C-alpha atoms as a PDB file:
ATOM      1  CA  UNK A   1      -7.970-122.561  57.532  1.00  0.00           C
ATOM      2  CA  UNK A   2      -8.871-118.900  57.122  1.00  0.00           C
ATOM      3  CA  UNK A   3     -10.234-117.872  53.734  1.00  0.00           C
ATOM      4  CA  UNK A   4     -10.326-114.202  52.720  1.00  0.00           C
ATOM      5  CA  UNK A   5     -12.919-112.933  50.263  1.00  0.00           C
ATOM      6  CA  UNK A   6     -13.620-109.507  48.785  1.00  0.00           C
ATOM      7  CA  UNK A   7     -17.400-109.076  48.396  1.00  0.00           C
ATOM      8  CA  UNK A   8     -18.809-107.394  45.307  1.00  0.00           C
ATOM      9  CA  UNK A   9     -21.889-105.167  45.044  1.00  0.00           C
ATOM     10  CA  UNK A  10     -22.402-104.729  48.815  1.00  0.00           C
ATOM     11  CA  UNK A  11     -21.287-102.412  51.615  1.00  0.00           C
ATOM     12  CA  UNK A  12     -18.929-104.886  53.289  1.00  0.00           C
ATOM     13  CA  UNK A  13     -15.343-104.719  52.066  1.00  0.00           C
ATOM     14  CA  UNK A  14     -13.784-107.976  53.264  1.00  0.00           C
ATOM     15  CA  UNK A  15     -14.777-111.322  54.764  1.00  0.00           C
ATOM     16  CA  UNK A  16     -12.436-113.540  56.751  1.00  0.00           C
ATOM     17  CA  UNK A  17     -13.952-117.007  57.139  1.00  0.00           C
ATOM     18  CA  UNK A  18     -12.336-119.684  59.295  1.00  0.00           C
ATOM     19  CA  UNK A  19     -13.273-123.215  58.247  1.00  0.00           C
ATOM     20  CA  UNK A  20     -12.326-126.403  60.070  1.00  0.00           C
ATOM     21  CA  UNK A  21     -13.552-129.868  59.199  1.00  0.00           C
ATOM     22  CA  UNK A  22     -16.082-128.530  56.697  1.00  0.00           C
ATOM     23  CA  UNK A  23     -17.659-126.202  59.280  1.00  0.00           C
ATOM     24  CA  UNK A  24     -17.508-122.436  59.689  1.00  0.00           C
ATOM     25  CA  UNK A  25     -15.777-121.773  63.010  1.00  0.00           C
ATOM     26  CA  UNK A  26     -15.436-117.994  62.738  1.00  0.00           C
ATOM     27  CA  UNK A  27     -16.526-115.137  60.479  1.00  0.00           C
ATOM     28  CA  UNK A  28     -15.283-111.557  60.524  1.00  0.00           C
ATOM     29  CA  UNK A  29     -16.776-109.003  58.160  1.00  0.00           C
ATOM     30  CA  UNK A  30     -15.193-105.603  57.616  1.00  0.00           C
ATOM     31  CA  UNK A  31     -17.614-102.853  56.633  1.00  0.00           C
ATOM     32  CA  UNK A  32     -21.331-103.232  56.140  1.00  0.00           C
ATOM     33  CA  UNK A  33     -24.133-103.156  58.733  1.00  0.00           C
ATOM     34  CA  UNK A  34     -22.220-103.933  61.918  1.00  0.00           C
ATOM     35  CA  UNK A  35     -25.026-105.322  64.079  1.00  0.00           C
ATOM     36  CA  UNK A  36     -26.556-107.454  61.336  1.00  0.00           C
ATOM     37  CA  UNK A  37     -23.202-108.882  60.321  1.00  0.00           C
ATOM     38  CA  UNK A  38     -22.255-109.693  63.924  1.00  0.00           C
ATOM     39  CA  UNK A  39     -25.572-111.533  64.149  1.00  0.00           C
ATOM     40  CA  UNK A  40     -24.952-113.463  60.941  1.00  0.00           C
ATOM     41  CA  UNK A  41     -21.441-114.309  62.166  1.00  0.00           C
ATOM     42  CA  UNK A  42     -22.832-115.750  65.396  1.00  0.00           C
ATOM     43  CA  UNK A  43     -25.517-117.731  63.567  1.00  0.00           C
ATOM     44  CA  UNK A  44     -23.242-119.408  61.012  1.00  0.00           C
ATOM     45  CA  UNK A  45     -20.639-120.570  63.538  1.00  0.00           C
ATOM     46  CA  UNK A  46     -20.784-124.349  63.740  1.00  0.00           C
ATOM     47  CA  UNK A  47     -22.771-124.709  60.512  1.00  0.00           C
ATOM     48  CA  UNK A  48     -21.398-126.742  57.645  1.00  0.00           C
ATOM     49  CA  UNK A  49     -20.213-124.867  54.586  1.00  0.00           C
ATOM     50  CA  UNK A  50     -23.021-126.437  52.531  1.00  0.00           C
ATOM     51  CA  UNK A  51     -25.683-125.486  55.073  1.00  0.00           C
ATOM     52  CA  UNK A  52     -24.557-121.839  55.054  1.00  0.00           C
ATOM     53  CA  UNK A  53     -24.611-121.806  51.238  1.00  0.00           C
ATOM     54  CA  UNK A  54     -28.077-123.382  51.113  1.00  0.00           C
ATOM     55  CA  UNK A  55     -29.544-120.937  53.627  1.00  0.00           C
ATOM     56  CA  UNK A  56     -27.968-117.687  52.412  1.00  0.00           C
ATOM     57  CA  UNK A  57     -27.528-117.995  48.651  1.00  0.00           C
ATOM     58  CA  UNK A  58     -29.813-115.682  46.696  1.00  0.00           C
ATOM     59  CA  UNK A  59     -30.748-113.267  49.498  1.00  0.00           C
ATOM     60  CA  UNK A  60     -31.129-109.798  48.016  1.00  0.00           C
ATOM     61  CA  UNK A  61     -30.507-106.405  49.635  1.00  0.00           C
ATOM     62  CA  UNK A  62     -32.465-103.441  48.301  1.00  0.00           C
ATOM     63  CA  UNK A  63     -32.680-104.742  44.732  1.00  0.00           C
ATOM     64  CA  UNK A  64     -28.901-105.036  44.348  1.00  0.00           C
ATOM     65  CA  UNK A  65     -29.156-108.634  43.155  1.00  0.00           C
ATOM     66  CA  UNK A  66     -26.950-109.690  46.060  1.00  0.00           C
ATOM     67  CA  UNK A  67     -26.410-109.031  49.775  1.00  0.00           C
ATOM     68  CA  UNK A  68     -23.770-109.644  52.415  1.00  0.00           C
ATOM     69  CA  UNK A  69     -25.321-113.049  53.242  1.00  0.00           C
ATOM     70  CA  UNK A  70     -25.383-113.913  49.521  1.00  0.00           C
ATOM     71  CA  UNK A  71     -21.762-112.800  49.184  1.00  0.00           C
ATOM     72  CA  UNK A  72     -20.861-115.098  52.098  1.00  0.00           C
ATOM     73  CA  UNK A  73     -22.466-117.949  50.170  1.00  0.00           C
ATOM     74  CA  UNK A  74     -20.430-116.925  47.094  1.00  0.00           C
ATOM     75  CA  UNK A  75     -17.260-116.900  49.194  1.00  0.00           C
ATOM     76  CA  UNK A  76     -17.945-120.396  50.475  1.00  0.00           C
ATOM     77  CA  UNK A  77     -18.732-121.701  46.995  1.00  0.00           C
ATOM     78  CA  UNK A  78     -15.439-120.221  45.807  1.00  0.00           C
ATOM     79  CA  UNK A  79     -13.662-121.813  48.786  1.00  0.00           C
ATOM     80  CA  UNK A  80     -15.151-125.221  47.920  1.00  0.00           C
ATOM     81  CA  UNK A  81     -14.074-124.942  44.286  1.00  0.00           C
ATOM     82  CA  UNK A  82     -10.470-124.213  45.302  1.00  0.00           C
ATOM     83  CA  UNK A  83     -10.159-126.884  47.999  1.00  0.00           C
END
């Protein structure tokens, strides 16, 4: 299943997360810091939804109170609450 999420408070504009069997199988992020987000996408592939949330939740970018990794955690928490 592919879940779409609109991040808030960060440079990225959209996240498309593919989840299968409770694991992230693909992540595409539109906007934001291209190299960093490609790296994060590669790192989270194969991780469980809960593991991604636990590792990325609360990461801050430049005092914004959130970051693209934190917004990914928010997206996955939202996904869990709806499924």
